[in-house]
Amino acid sequence: MTDSDDRPQNSGPGDGLGPGDGFDPAADTGVAEAQGPAKWKVIGPGLVVAATGVGAADMVATLVAGSQFGYGLLWAVIVGVILKIVLVEGAGRFTLATGKTIFEGWTSLGRWTTWYFGPYIIIWGFVYGATAMSSAALPLAALFPGVNLTVWAIIMGLAGFAMVWFGRYSVFEKITAALVGIMFVTVVGLAIIAVPNIPDMLTGLIPLIPEGGVIYTLALAGGVGGTITLAAYGYWLREKGWHTPKWMRVMRIDNSMAYVLTGIFVIAMLVVGAEVVRAAGVAISADDKGLIELSDVLKAKYGDVVGIGFLVGFWAASFSSIIGVWNGVSLMFADFWGHMRKKPAGHPDTLTGGKYFKAYVLWLTFPPMLLFLLGKPIGLILAYGVLGSLFMPFLAITLLGLLNGKKIPKKWANKLHTNIALAITALLFIVLGIQQLYSSLAPLWGG
């Protein structure tokens, strides 16, 4: 599919983006512009951001929602997919229309954005590194119980480290696509085996919140597939070679199709919760161990092959998050630190393989291994929870500021309906963020 309608927009005068205005993304970033007509490919940055955003925690949240409320929250999953499409499209549109990274956009809104983002990305990386490695280790420890969980966690961290440290974006993208294939086949295949109740699913499209289901509704609509990696989309567009507005339509297709696949994956987990876990009458833990418990239920109901196959899908979902974060968030940190060091845009130190990029890959991998020995330091966990609960509202609100007014060429600024959709998204994330903030602070008052 070509993007001929958008192609002239990156070369004409008057839009602030043509060669005559000095806009040369390839020169700024050190990454070559993809040549030829703008064509969409199934494997692209959208698939990477969607796969990275859906991890074990999202699978558990959806599974528990399905086991407790059946298909009653199916509509919330669909709303969540639409909101993520709106949010990620905004991040991608800003990057393509301006040639600037999302962090450059944030700094234009004031120093407060840097004061928030700097501590956040440092603390978040330290805690998330340990969480991600442990999550990917759980299914492997269940498959190979002779090896200690901590050993598997370290192996997963080192494997992700090696793939990102030595690999190019094109290789990383292909590995992610393979992991998505494994996730999709195992989880969607399991949903088909479970035989979903179609009439109940259709009833679940009616937007009703079941009794006691407010938190799960918010989590499914706002939380599934939503992490800091949503903001990394623009960096992956740059790595792909999609720099200028000629890629705008391709980006939108890429983003939409990726989140449609995410929606199918999440709905499949909802089906498994409704048809397998609920029917079995068991309670699944509300953390990653719930997926191990599901594997036991599957083995009892369908046999070892299905149970083991699900563990492989669980591992693929978790490991895709490791390599996605190790790559995408390291690019974000490199851009952030380059600005702190007054480096020009596109300086080699701030790009893939640069010293700032590698410094954050090291930070994600090795210091978090200390948490396997130290347990969970309450102060750090509190800071992680507080800053994390504020990130999605931060992203939604700042995108509203960046996609209106003089910060973006008028052609690519928000239309009224886009502003309404993004405002609704921001409001949802604010409500969800307040709820998560309350949960994060609960230990302070014995909650």
Protein backbone atom coordinates (compact mmCIF):
# COMPACT_ATOMS: atom_id res chain seq x y z
CA MET A 1 0.00 0.00 0.00
CA THR A 2 1.49 3.32 -1.03
CA ASP A 3 1.14 6.67 0.65
CA SER A 4 1.12 8.89 -2.43
CA ASP A 5 -1.25 11.47 -0.92
CA ASP A 6 1.17 12.25 1.90
CA ARG A 7 4.43 12.07 -0.03
CA PRO A 8 4.64 15.71 -1.21
CA GLN A 9 4.23 17.04 2.32
CA ASN A 10 7.87 16.58 3.23
CA SER A 11 9.27 18.64 0.39
CA GLY A 12 7.11 21.67 -0.13
CA PRO A 13 7.75 25.16 1.25
CA GLY A 14 5.62 26.72 3.89
CA ASP A 15 5.07 23.74 6.17
CA GLY A 16 8.29 24.16 8.10
CA LEU A 17 9.43 20.69 7.13
CA GLY A 18 10.94 20.89 3.66
CA PRO A 19 14.62 20.76 2.70
CA GLY A 20 14.54 24.50 2.22
CA ASP A 21 13.78 24.84 5.92
CA GLY A 22 16.75 22.70 6.89
CA PHE A 23 14.68 19.68 7.87
CA ASP A 24 16.84 16.63 7.19
CA PRO A 25 15.90 13.85 9.59
CA ALA A 26 18.47 11.44 8.20
CA ALA A 27 21.22 13.97 8.85
CA ASP A 28 19.86 14.74 12.32
CA THR A 29 19.61 11.15 13.49
CA GLY A 30 22.30 9.29 11.61
CA VAL A 31 19.67 6.79 10.39
CA ALA A 32 19.01 6.66 6.67
CA GLU A 33 15.58 7.48 5.33
CA ALA A 34 13.87 4.39 3.91
CA GLN A 35 13.98 4.67 0.14
CA GLY A 36 11.18 4.34 -2.41
CA PRO A 37 7.41 4.65 -1.97
CA ALA A 38 6.03 4.51 1.57
CA LYS A 39 4.72 0.96 1.86
CA TRP A 40 3.29 -0.75 4.91
CA LYS A 41 4.76 -4.07 6.04
CA VAL A 42 3.21 -6.43 8.54
CA ILE A 43 6.36 -6.39 10.65
CA GLY A 44 7.04 -2.85 11.79
CA PRO A 45 7.48 -0.58 14.81
CA GLY A 46 3.78 -0.93 15.68
CA LEU A 47 4.15 -4.66 16.19
CA VAL A 48 7.19 -4.01 18.37
CA VAL A 49 5.47 -1.45 20.62
CA ALA A 50 2.32 -3.56 20.94
CA ALA A 51 4.24 -6.75 21.76
CA THR A 52 6.44 -4.97 24.28
CA GLY A 53 3.47 -3.40 26.03
CA VAL A 54 1.63 -6.68 26.60
CA GLY A 55 3.38 -8.70 29.27
CA ALA A 56 2.57 -11.22 31.96
CA ALA A 57 0.84 -8.63 34.19
CA ASP A 58 -1.62 -7.78 31.40
CA MET A 59 -2.29 -11.46 30.74
CA VAL A 60 -3.05 -12.03 34.42
CA ALA A 61 -5.32 -8.96 34.69
CA THR A 62 -7.35 -10.11 31.69
CA LEU A 63 -7.44 -13.72 32.87
CA VAL A 64 -8.71 -12.75 36.33
CA ALA A 65 -11.30 -10.39 34.83
CA GLY A 66 -12.58 -13.20 32.61
CA SER A 67 -12.71 -15.69 35.48
CA GLN A 68 -14.65 -13.25 37.71
CA PHE A 69 -16.94 -11.47 35.25
CA GLY A 70 -17.03 -13.73 32.19
CA TYR A 71 -17.41 -11.62 29.04
CA GLY A 72 -18.93 -8.68 30.91
CA LEU A 73 -15.84 -6.51 30.34
CA LEU A 74 -15.22 -7.38 26.70
CA TRP A 75 -16.29 -3.86 25.73
CA ALA A 76 -13.58 -2.42 28.01
CA VAL A 77 -10.91 -4.39 26.14
CA ILE A 78 -12.10 -2.91 22.84
CA VAL A 79 -12.18 0.61 24.31
CA GLY A 80 -8.64 0.04 25.56
CA VAL A 81 -7.43 -0.93 22.09
CA ILE A 82 -8.98 2.23 20.59
CA LEU A 83 -7.39 4.42 23.27
CA LYS A 84 -3.94 2.91 22.67
CA ILE A 85 -4.31 3.50 18.93
CA VAL A 86 -5.13 7.17 19.62
CA LEU A 87 -2.24 7.57 22.07
CA VAL A 88 0.47 5.86 20.03
CA GLU A 89 -0.70 7.52 16.80
CA GLY A 90 -0.25 10.86 18.53
CA ALA A 91 3.33 10.03 19.54
CA GLY A 92 4.13 8.80 16.03
CA ARG A 93 2.46 11.78 14.34
CA PHE A 94 4.44 14.27 16.42
CA THR A 95 7.72 12.58 15.49
CA LEU A 96 6.99 12.33 11.76
CA ALA A 97 5.52 15.83 11.46
CA THR A 98 8.29 17.66 13.35
CA GLY A 99 11.37 15.46 13.01
CA LYS A 100 11.76 15.73 16.79
CA THR A 101 11.80 13.01 19.41
CA ILE A 102 9.11 12.83 22.06
CA PHE A 103 11.61 13.99 24.69
CA GLU A 104 12.44 17.07 22.61
CA GLY A 105 8.72 17.73 22.54
CA TRP A 106 8.43 17.34 26.30
CA THR A 107 11.27 19.79 26.95
CA SER A 108 9.43 22.40 24.86
CA LEU A 109 6.60 22.24 27.41
CA GLY A 110 8.85 23.31 30.28
CA ARG A 111 11.53 22.03 32.65
CA TRP A 112 8.94 20.25 34.80
CA THR A 113 8.82 17.46 32.22
CA THR A 114 12.54 16.78 32.66
CA TRP A 115 12.28 16.89 36.45
CA TYR A 116 9.59 14.21 36.25
CA PHE A 117 11.04 12.04 33.50
CA GLY A 118 14.65 11.94 34.76
CA PRO A 119 13.98 10.32 38.17
CA TYR A 120 11.22 8.19 36.67
CA ILE A 121 13.34 6.51 33.99
CA ILE A 122 16.16 5.79 36.49
CA ILE A 123 13.97 4.28 39.23
CA TRP A 124 11.62 2.57 36.79
CA GLY A 125 14.49 0.87 34.96
CA PHE A 126 16.02 -0.50 38.16
CA VAL A 127 12.80 -2.05 39.48
CA TYR A 128 11.38 -3.08 36.10
CA GLY A 129 14.61 -4.86 35.16
CA ALA A 130 14.22 -7.27 38.08
CA THR A 131 10.47 -7.67 37.49
CA ALA A 132 10.85 -8.44 33.79
CA MET A 133 13.64 -10.97 34.30
CA SER A 134 11.65 -12.77 37.02
CA SER A 135 8.53 -12.82 34.86
CA ALA A 136 10.34 -14.43 31.92
CA ALA A 137 11.99 -16.92 34.31
CA LEU A 138 8.75 -18.20 35.84
CA PRO A 139 7.56 -20.33 32.89
CA LEU A 140 11.08 -21.66 32.32
CA ALA A 141 11.35 -22.68 35.98
CA ALA A 142 8.02 -24.50 35.60
CA LEU A 143 9.21 -26.25 32.43
CA PHE A 144 12.66 -27.07 33.83
CA PRO A 145 12.25 -27.26 37.63
CA GLY A 146 15.78 -28.55 38.10
CA VAL A 147 17.12 -25.02 37.55
CA ASN A 148 16.53 -22.36 40.23
CA LEU A 149 14.19 -19.45 39.40
CA THR A 150 16.89 -16.86 40.13
CA VAL A 151 19.28 -18.62 37.74
CA TRP A 152 16.66 -18.50 34.99
CA ALA A 153 16.02 -14.81 35.73
CA ILE A 154 19.70 -14.00 35.34
CA ILE A 155 19.87 -16.05 32.11
CA MET A 156 16.88 -14.13 30.71
CA GLY A 157 18.48 -10.80 31.60
CA LEU A 158 21.76 -11.77 29.97
CA ALA A 159 19.97 -13.07 26.85
CA GLY A 160 18.06 -9.81 26.46
CA PHE A 161 21.23 -7.85 27.12
CA ALA A 162 23.17 -9.72 24.41
CA MET A 163 20.41 -9.36 21.79
CA VAL A 164 20.11 -5.62 22.31
CA TRP A 165 23.80 -4.85 22.91
CA PHE A 166 25.04 -6.62 19.78
CA GLY A 167 21.96 -6.63 17.55
CA ARG A 168 20.67 -4.13 15.02
CA TYR A 169 17.09 -2.87 14.99
CA SER A 170 16.20 -5.04 11.98
CA VAL A 171 17.28 -8.18 13.85
CA PHE A 172 15.48 -7.07 17.02
CA GLU A 173 12.31 -6.47 14.99
CA LYS A 174 12.42 -9.96 13.47
CA ILE A 175 12.97 -11.62 16.87
CA THR A 176 10.01 -9.67 18.25
CA ALA A 177 7.85 -10.81 15.32
CA ALA A 178 8.78 -14.44 16.01
CA LEU A 179 7.86 -14.05 19.70
CA VAL A 180 4.55 -12.42 18.72
CA GLY A 181 3.88 -15.42 16.47
CA ILE A 182 4.45 -17.80 19.38
CA MET A 183 2.25 -15.70 21.69
CA PHE A 184 -0.51 -15.50 19.12
CA VAL A 185 -0.56 -19.17 18.15
CA THR A 186 -0.51 -20.46 21.73
CA VAL A 187 -2.98 -18.06 23.34
CA VAL A 188 -5.43 -17.62 20.45
CA GLY A 189 -5.21 -21.36 19.75
CA LEU A 190 -6.06 -22.02 23.39
CA ALA A 191 -9.07 -19.69 23.17
CA ILE A 192 -10.33 -21.63 20.13
CA ILE A 193 -9.89 -24.94 21.97
CA ALA A 194 -11.83 -23.48 24.92
CA VAL A 195 -14.80 -22.82 22.54
CA PRO A 196 -15.97 -19.28 23.36
CA ASN A 197 -19.67 -18.69 24.03
CA ILE A 198 -20.52 -16.36 21.14
CA PRO A 199 -23.91 -15.11 22.48
CA ASP A 200 -22.28 -14.22 25.82
CA MET A 201 -19.46 -12.45 23.96
CA LEU A 202 -21.98 -10.34 22.04
CA THR A 203 -23.66 -9.44 25.33
CA GLY A 204 -20.25 -8.37 26.62
CA LEU A 205 -20.12 -5.63 23.96
CA ILE A 206 -22.76 -3.70 25.92
CA PRO A 207 -20.87 -1.16 28.08
CA LEU A 208 -21.91 -2.14 31.58
CA ILE A 209 -19.72 -2.31 34.69
CA PRO A 210 -20.51 -5.43 36.76
CA GLU A 211 -20.73 -5.15 40.54
CA GLY A 212 -17.22 -4.97 41.97
CA GLY A 213 -15.73 -4.57 38.53
CA VAL A 214 -14.74 -0.88 38.47
CA ILE A 215 -11.03 -1.47 39.02
CA TYR A 216 -10.89 -4.27 36.46
CA THR A 217 -12.78 -2.10 33.96
CA LEU A 218 -10.23 0.68 34.37
CA ALA A 219 -7.35 -1.79 34.17
CA LEU A 220 -8.59 -3.39 30.94
CA ALA A 221 -9.48 -0.08 29.28
CA GLY A 222 -6.38 1.80 30.34
CA GLY A 223 -3.75 -0.58 31.57
CA VAL A 224 -3.48 -3.46 29.12
CA GLY A 225 -0.60 -2.85 26.75
CA GLY A 226 0.18 0.53 28.28
CA THR A 227 3.71 1.26 29.48
CA ILE A 228 6.55 3.70 28.91
CA THR A 229 7.20 1.86 25.64
CA LEU A 230 4.20 3.61 24.07
CA ALA A 231 6.36 6.74 24.05
CA ALA A 232 9.22 4.78 22.47
CA TYR A 233 7.22 4.38 19.24
CA GLY A 234 8.74 7.48 17.66
CA TYR A 235 12.26 6.19 18.31
CA TRP A 236 11.43 2.89 16.61
CA LEU A 237 9.99 4.80 13.65
CA ARG A 238 13.39 6.49 13.35
CA GLU A 239 15.19 3.14 13.60
CA LYS A 240 12.96 1.78 10.84
CA GLY A 241 13.88 4.71 8.60
CA TRP A 242 10.41 6.28 8.71
CA HIS A 243 11.30 9.93 9.27
CA THR A 244 9.13 12.29 7.31
CA PRO A 245 5.40 12.99 6.82
CA LYS A 246 5.36 10.77 3.71
CA TRP A 247 5.18 7.86 6.22
CA MET A 248 2.18 9.27 8.08
CA ARG A 249 -0.45 7.00 6.55
CA VAL A 250 1.83 3.97 6.77
CA MET A 251 2.46 4.76 10.45
CA ARG A 252 -1.27 4.93 11.13
CA ILE A 253 -1.89 1.58 9.45
CA ASP A 254 1.10 0.06 11.25
CA ASN A 255 -0.13 1.28 14.63
CA SER A 256 -3.77 0.32 14.09
CA MET A 257 -3.06 -3.20 12.82
CA ALA A 258 -0.62 -3.85 15.67
CA TYR A 259 -3.19 -2.93 18.31
CA VAL A 260 -5.91 -4.90 16.56
CA LEU A 261 -3.63 -7.93 16.96
CA THR A 262 -3.12 -6.94 20.60
CA GLY A 263 -6.88 -6.74 21.05
CA ILE A 264 -7.34 -10.23 19.61
CA PHE A 265 -4.65 -11.54 21.96
CA VAL A 266 -6.23 -9.90 25.03
CA ILE A 267 -9.72 -11.09 24.06
CA ALA A 268 -8.29 -14.61 23.76
CA MET A 269 -7.03 -14.37 27.35
CA LEU A 270 -10.49 -13.16 28.41
CA VAL A 271 -12.01 -16.23 26.73
CA VAL A 272 -9.60 -18.52 28.59
CA GLY A 273 -10.53 -16.85 31.88
CA ALA A 274 -14.25 -17.12 31.19
CA GLU A 275 -14.34 -20.62 29.70
CA VAL A 276 -11.51 -22.46 31.44
CA VAL A 277 -10.69 -20.85 34.78
CA ARG A 278 -14.28 -19.94 35.65
CA ALA A 279 -15.56 -23.36 34.64
CA ALA A 280 -12.87 -25.05 36.74
CA GLY A 281 -14.00 -23.05 39.77
CA VAL A 282 -10.47 -22.12 40.81
CA ALA A 283 -9.04 -18.79 41.95
CA ILE A 284 -6.01 -17.53 40.03
CA SER A 285 -3.38 -15.41 41.79
CA ALA A 286 -3.37 -11.76 40.77
CA ASP A 287 0.35 -11.83 39.93
CA ASP A 288 2.58 -13.64 37.45
CA LYS A 289 2.23 -16.92 39.37
CA GLY A 290 -1.40 -16.96 38.26
CA LEU A 291 -0.20 -17.98 34.79
CA ILE A 292 1.66 -20.96 36.26
CA GLU A 293 -1.55 -21.93 38.07
CA LEU A 294 -3.43 -21.63 34.77
CA SER A 295 -0.95 -24.02 33.17
CA ASP A 296 -1.81 -26.61 35.84
CA VAL A 297 -5.52 -26.14 35.13
CA LEU A 298 -4.89 -26.56 31.39
CA LYS A 299 -2.88 -29.74 31.91
CA ALA A 300 -5.71 -31.21 33.98
CA LYS A 301 -8.36 -30.26 31.41
CA TYR A 302 -6.60 -30.67 28.05
CA GLY A 303 -3.39 -32.59 28.72
CA ASP A 304 0.30 -31.81 29.08
CA VAL A 305 0.79 -30.61 25.49
CA VAL A 306 -1.66 -27.73 25.88
CA GLY A 307 -0.38 -26.84 29.36
CA ILE A 308 3.24 -26.80 28.21
CA GLY A 309 2.31 -24.90 25.05
CA PHE A 310 0.75 -22.17 27.17
CA LEU A 311 3.93 -21.86 29.25
CA VAL A 312 5.85 -21.31 26.02
CA GLY A 313 3.41 -18.53 25.07
CA PHE A 314 3.76 -17.04 28.56
CA TRP A 315 7.53 -17.01 28.14
CA ALA A 316 7.29 -15.40 24.67
CA ALA A 317 5.09 -12.59 26.02
CA SER A 318 7.48 -11.94 28.91
CA PHE A 319 10.69 -12.13 26.89
CA SER A 320 9.33 -9.85 24.16
CA SER A 321 8.82 -7.25 26.89
CA ILE A 322 12.44 -7.67 28.03
CA ILE A 323 14.02 -7.05 24.64
CA GLY A 324 11.48 -4.34 23.78
CA VAL A 325 12.19 -2.36 26.93
CA TRP A 326 15.96 -2.99 26.77
CA ASN A 327 15.91 -1.50 23.24
CA GLY A 328 13.19 1.16 23.25
CA VAL A 329 13.60 2.65 26.72
CA SER A 330 17.38 2.67 26.28
CA LEU A 331 16.84 4.86 23.20
CA MET A 332 14.64 7.16 25.27
CA PHE A 333 17.26 7.39 28.01
CA ALA A 334 20.03 8.06 25.47
CA ASP A 335 18.00 10.94 24.04
CA PHE A 336 17.26 12.30 27.52
CA TRP A 337 20.87 12.10 28.70
CA GLY A 338 22.15 13.54 25.41
CA HIS A 339 20.02 16.62 26.05
CA MET A 340 21.30 16.82 29.62
CA ARG A 341 24.86 16.76 28.22
CA LYS A 342 23.99 19.39 25.56
CA LYS A 343 24.64 16.98 22.69
CA PRO A 344 23.14 17.95 19.31
CA ALA A 345 20.20 15.95 17.97
CA GLY A 346 21.35 12.75 16.33
CA HIS A 347 24.74 12.68 18.07
CA PRO A 348 26.23 9.13 17.87
CA ASP A 349 26.29 8.87 21.68
CA THR A 350 22.47 9.15 21.73
CA LEU A 351 21.71 6.53 19.07
CA THR A 352 21.50 2.74 19.08
CA GLY A 353 24.88 1.38 20.15
CA GLY A 354 26.00 4.77 21.50
CA LYS A 355 27.51 5.06 24.94
CA TYR A 356 24.36 6.50 26.55
CA PHE A 357 22.25 3.75 25.00
CA LYS A 358 24.65 1.09 26.26
CA ALA A 359 24.82 2.66 29.71
CA TYR A 360 21.07 2.21 30.16
CA VAL A 361 21.14 -1.35 28.80
CA LEU A 362 23.71 -2.09 31.51
CA TRP A 363 21.52 -0.33 34.10
CA LEU A 364 18.48 -2.43 33.14
CA THR A 365 20.43 -5.69 33.30
CA PHE A 366 22.96 -5.87 36.12
CA PRO A 367 22.00 -3.60 39.07
CA PRO A 368 18.44 -5.07 39.17
CA MET A 369 19.95 -8.51 39.80
CA LEU A 370 20.77 -7.21 43.29
CA LEU A 371 17.04 -7.19 44.01
CA PHE A 372 17.04 -10.99 43.71
CA LEU A 373 19.22 -10.96 46.82
CA LEU A 374 17.76 -7.94 48.63
CA GLY A 375 14.08 -8.78 48.15
CA LYS A 376 11.79 -5.78 47.75
CA PRO A 377 13.10 -2.58 49.41
CA ILE A 378 9.88 -0.81 50.39
CA GLY A 379 11.13 2.73 49.68
CA LEU A 380 12.15 1.86 46.14
CA ILE A 381 8.94 -0.03 45.45
CA LEU A 382 6.90 2.94 46.69
CA ALA A 383 8.81 5.37 44.47
CA TYR A 384 8.39 3.01 41.51
CA GLY A 385 4.65 2.75 42.10
CA VAL A 386 4.13 6.48 42.54
CA LEU A 387 6.12 7.53 39.47
CA GLY A 388 4.70 4.67 37.39
CA SER A 389 1.10 5.59 38.19
CA LEU A 390 1.76 9.09 36.84
CA PHE A 391 3.45 8.17 33.55
CA MET A 392 0.41 7.36 31.39
CA PRO A 393 -1.45 10.53 32.50
CA PHE A 394 1.82 12.42 31.84
CA LEU A 395 2.03 11.01 28.30
CA ALA A 396 -1.63 11.68 27.47
CA ILE A 397 -1.60 15.25 28.81
CA THR A 398 1.70 16.20 27.17
CA LEU A 399 0.50 14.84 23.82
CA LEU A 400 -2.48 17.19 24.04
CA GLY A 401 -0.01 20.04 24.47
CA LEU A 402 2.28 18.88 21.66
CA LEU A 403 -0.38 18.13 19.04
CA ASN A 404 -2.05 21.55 19.14
CA GLY A 405 -0.86 25.08 18.46
CA LYS A 406 2.57 26.05 17.13
CA LYS A 407 4.46 22.96 18.27
CA ILE A 408 3.32 20.99 15.22
CA PRO A 409 2.60 22.01 11.58
CA LYS A 410 -1.07 22.89 11.18
CA LYS A 411 -1.68 20.10 8.65
CA TRP A 412 -0.80 17.50 11.27
CA ALA A 413 -2.31 19.17 14.34
CA ASN A 414 -5.23 17.55 16.17
CA LYS A 415 -8.70 17.89 14.74
CA LEU A 416 -11.63 18.36 17.13
CA HIS A 417 -12.53 14.66 17.23
CA THR A 418 -8.90 13.74 17.89
CA ASN A 419 -8.71 16.22 20.76
CA ILE A 420 -11.88 14.76 22.25
CA ALA A 421 -10.53 11.21 21.96
CA LEU A 422 -7.17 12.19 23.46
CA ALA A 423 -8.88 14.16 26.26
CA ILE A 424 -10.99 11.10 27.13
CA THR A 425 -7.82 9.02 27.10
CA ALA A 426 -6.08 11.52 29.40
CA LEU A 427 -9.05 11.55 31.79
CA LEU A 428 -9.14 7.75 31.98
CA PHE A 429 -5.41 7.57 32.69
CA ILE A 430 -5.72 10.26 35.37
CA VAL A 431 -8.45 8.25 37.13
CA LEU A 432 -6.49 5.02 36.72
CA GLY A 433 -3.31 6.77 37.85
CA ILE A 434 -4.99 8.07 41.04
CA GLN A 435 -6.21 4.54 41.80
CA GLN A 436 -2.72 3.11 41.22
CA LEU A 437 -1.19 5.94 43.27
CA TYR A 438 -3.50 5.08 46.18
CA SER A 439 -2.53 1.40 45.91
CA SER A 440 1.17 2.29 45.77
CA LEU A 441 0.94 4.42 48.91
CA ALA A 442 -1.27 1.96 50.80
CA PRO A 443 1.72 0.39 52.68
CA LEU A 444 2.38 3.78 54.33
CA TRP A 445 -0.91 3.55 56.22
CA GLY A 446 -0.94 -0.21 56.60
CA GLY A 447 -3.18 -0.86 53.60
